[in-house]
């Protein structure tokens, strides 16, 4: 099911729009023209192939990542030759 809301309607009932998004995409219009689409994260991941960019992953407010980068060996750095 596809729902269309004006920007004003969306601003007045954001929680209702989020609930409606569980039933299908919500098209949000500006001056009568579609401008934005509200999707659940599950629908977005399905449409995008299931992959999030690093920026998208880090932008999540509830993101919790373990990050253990490999140690860099001392042999890869050398003094710059400026002559």
C-alpha atoms as a PDB file:
ATOM      1  CA  UNK A   1       0.000   0.000   0.000  1.00  0.00           C
ATOM      2  CA  UNK A   2       1.366   3.429  -0.981  1.00  0.00           C
ATOM      3  CA  UNK A   3       0.393   6.519   0.996  1.00  0.00           C
ATOM      4  CA  UNK A   4       0.893  10.141  -0.043  1.00  0.00           C
ATOM      5  CA  UNK A   5       1.185  12.963   2.480  1.00  0.00           C
ATOM      6  CA  UNK A   6       1.840  16.653   2.050  1.00  0.00           C
ATOM      7  CA  UNK A   7       4.816  18.066   3.925  1.00  0.00           C
ATOM      8  CA  UNK A   8       2.387  19.777   6.275  1.00  0.00           C
ATOM      9  CA  UNK A   9       0.526  16.520   6.999  1.00  0.00           C
ATOM     10  CA  UNK A  10       3.829  14.750   7.599  1.00  0.00           C
ATOM     11  CA  UNK A  11       4.992  17.474  10.007  1.00  0.00           C
ATOM     12  CA  UNK A  12       1.705  17.376  11.903  1.00  0.00           C
ATOM     13  CA  UNK A  13       1.678  13.570  12.354  1.00  0.00           C
ATOM     14  CA  UNK A  14       5.194  12.197  12.026  1.00  0.00           C
ATOM     15  CA  UNK A  15       4.515   9.249  14.322  1.00  0.00           C
ATOM     16  CA  UNK A  16       1.446   8.319  12.232  1.00  0.00           C
ATOM     17  CA  UNK A  17       3.585   8.463   9.083  1.00  0.00           C
ATOM     18  CA  UNK A  18       6.173   6.167  10.663  1.00  0.00           C
ATOM     19  CA  UNK A  19       3.455   3.681  11.598  1.00  0.00           C
ATOM     20  CA  UNK A  20       1.992   3.856   8.081  1.00  0.00           C
ATOM     21  CA  UNK A  21       5.453   3.162   6.610  1.00  0.00           C
ATOM     22  CA  UNK A  22       5.241  -0.349   8.052  1.00  0.00           C
ATOM     23  CA  UNK A  23       2.455  -0.980   5.496  1.00  0.00           C
ATOM     24  CA  UNK A  24       4.384   0.465   2.518  1.00  0.00           C
ATOM     25  CA  UNK A  25       6.265   3.536   1.296  1.00  0.00           C
ATOM     26  CA  UNK A  26       5.048   7.014   2.221  1.00  0.00           C
ATOM     27  CA  UNK A  27       5.416   9.633  -0.499  1.00  0.00           C
ATOM     28  CA  UNK A  28       5.832  13.136   0.907  1.00  0.00           C
ATOM     29  CA  UNK A  29       5.007  15.991  -1.433  1.00  0.00           C
ATOM     30  CA  UNK A  30       6.189  19.596  -1.608  1.00  0.00           C
ATOM     31  CA  UNK A  31       3.835  21.895  -3.504  1.00  0.00           C
ATOM     32  CA  UNK A  32       2.017  18.899  -4.972  1.00  0.00           C
ATOM     33  CA  UNK A  33       5.126  17.141  -6.298  1.00  0.00           C
ATOM     34  CA  UNK A  34       6.679  14.024  -4.769  1.00  0.00           C
ATOM     35  CA  UNK A  35       9.833  15.127  -2.951  1.00  0.00           C
ATOM     36  CA  UNK A  36      10.670  12.409  -0.408  1.00  0.00           C
ATOM     37  CA  UNK A  37       9.886   8.794   0.391  1.00  0.00           C
ATOM     38  CA  UNK A  38       9.665   7.361   3.897  1.00  0.00           C
ATOM     39  CA  UNK A  39      10.557   3.656   4.185  1.00  0.00           C
ATOM     40  CA  UNK A  40      11.199   1.281   7.028  1.00  0.00           C
ATOM     41  CA  UNK A  41      14.859   0.348   7.368  1.00  0.00           C
ATOM     42  CA  UNK A  42      13.975  -3.192   6.329  1.00  0.00           C
ATOM     43  CA  UNK A  43      12.427  -1.967   3.063  1.00  0.00           C
ATOM     44  CA  UNK A  44      15.389   0.329   2.442  1.00  0.00           C
ATOM     45  CA  UNK A  45      17.913  -2.470   2.967  1.00  0.00           C
ATOM     46  CA  UNK A  46      15.913  -4.780   0.703  1.00  0.00           C
ATOM     47  CA  UNK A  47      15.833  -2.148  -2.063  1.00  0.00           C
ATOM     48  CA  UNK A  48      19.495  -1.201  -1.659  1.00  0.00           C
ATOM     49  CA  UNK A  49      20.696  -4.796  -1.831  1.00  0.00           C
ATOM     50  CA  UNK A  50      21.091  -5.179   1.917  1.00  0.00           C
ATOM     51  CA  UNK A  51      24.238  -3.115   2.183  1.00  0.00           C
ATOM     52  CA  UNK A  52      24.754   0.100   4.065  1.00  0.00           C
ATOM     53  CA  UNK A  53      27.583   2.478   3.367  1.00  0.00           C
ATOM     54  CA  UNK A  54      29.980   3.245   6.199  1.00  0.00           C
ATOM     55  CA  UNK A  55      28.499   6.746   6.472  1.00  0.00           C
ATOM     56  CA  UNK A  56      24.972   5.321   6.771  1.00  0.00           C
ATOM     57  CA  UNK A  57      26.047   2.822   9.400  1.00  0.00           C
ATOM     58  CA  UNK A  58      27.829   5.458  11.478  1.00  0.00           C
ATOM     59  CA  UNK A  59      24.878   7.859  11.177  1.00  0.00           C
ATOM     60  CA  UNK A  60      22.612   5.470  13.051  1.00  0.00           C
ATOM     61  CA  UNK A  61      22.009   6.816  16.549  1.00  0.00           C
ATOM     62  CA  UNK A  62      21.890   3.344  18.082  1.00  0.00           C
ATOM     63  CA  UNK A  63      25.001   2.080  16.272  1.00  0.00           C
ATOM     64  CA  UNK A  64      27.351  -0.082  18.308  1.00  0.00           C
ATOM     65  CA  UNK A  65      30.465  -1.286  16.514  1.00  0.00           C
ATOM     66  CA  UNK A  66      33.525  -3.182  17.627  1.00  0.00           C
ATOM     67  CA  UNK A  67      36.549  -1.757  15.866  1.00  0.00           C
ATOM     68  CA  UNK A  68      39.901  -3.485  16.192  1.00  0.00           C
ATOM     69  CA  UNK A  69      42.093  -2.296  13.332  1.00  0.00           C
ATOM     70  CA  UNK A  70      45.205  -4.358  12.619  1.00  0.00           C
ATOM     71  CA  UNK A  71      48.446  -3.005  14.022  1.00  0.00           C
ATOM     72  CA  UNK A  72      50.663  -1.328  11.467  1.00  0.00           C
ATOM     73  CA  UNK A  73      54.201  -2.705  11.173  1.00  0.00           C
ATOM     74  CA  UNK A  74      57.023  -0.270  11.764  1.00  0.00           C
ATOM     75  CA  UNK A  75      58.562  -1.083   8.380  1.00  0.00           C
ATOM     76  CA  UNK A  76      56.014   0.793   6.244  1.00  0.00           C
ATOM     77  CA  UNK A  77      57.043   4.269   7.356  1.00  0.00           C
ATOM     78  CA  UNK A  78      60.185   5.967   6.088  1.00  0.00           C
ATOM     79  CA  UNK A  79      61.554   9.477   6.114  1.00  0.00           C
ATOM     80  CA  UNK A  80      60.576  11.671   3.170  1.00  0.00           C
ATOM     81  CA  UNK A  81      63.296  12.347   0.598  1.00  0.00           C
ATOM     82  CA  UNK A  82      63.071  16.111   0.061  1.00  0.00           C
ATOM     83  CA  UNK A  83      66.203  16.496  -2.090  1.00  0.00           C
END
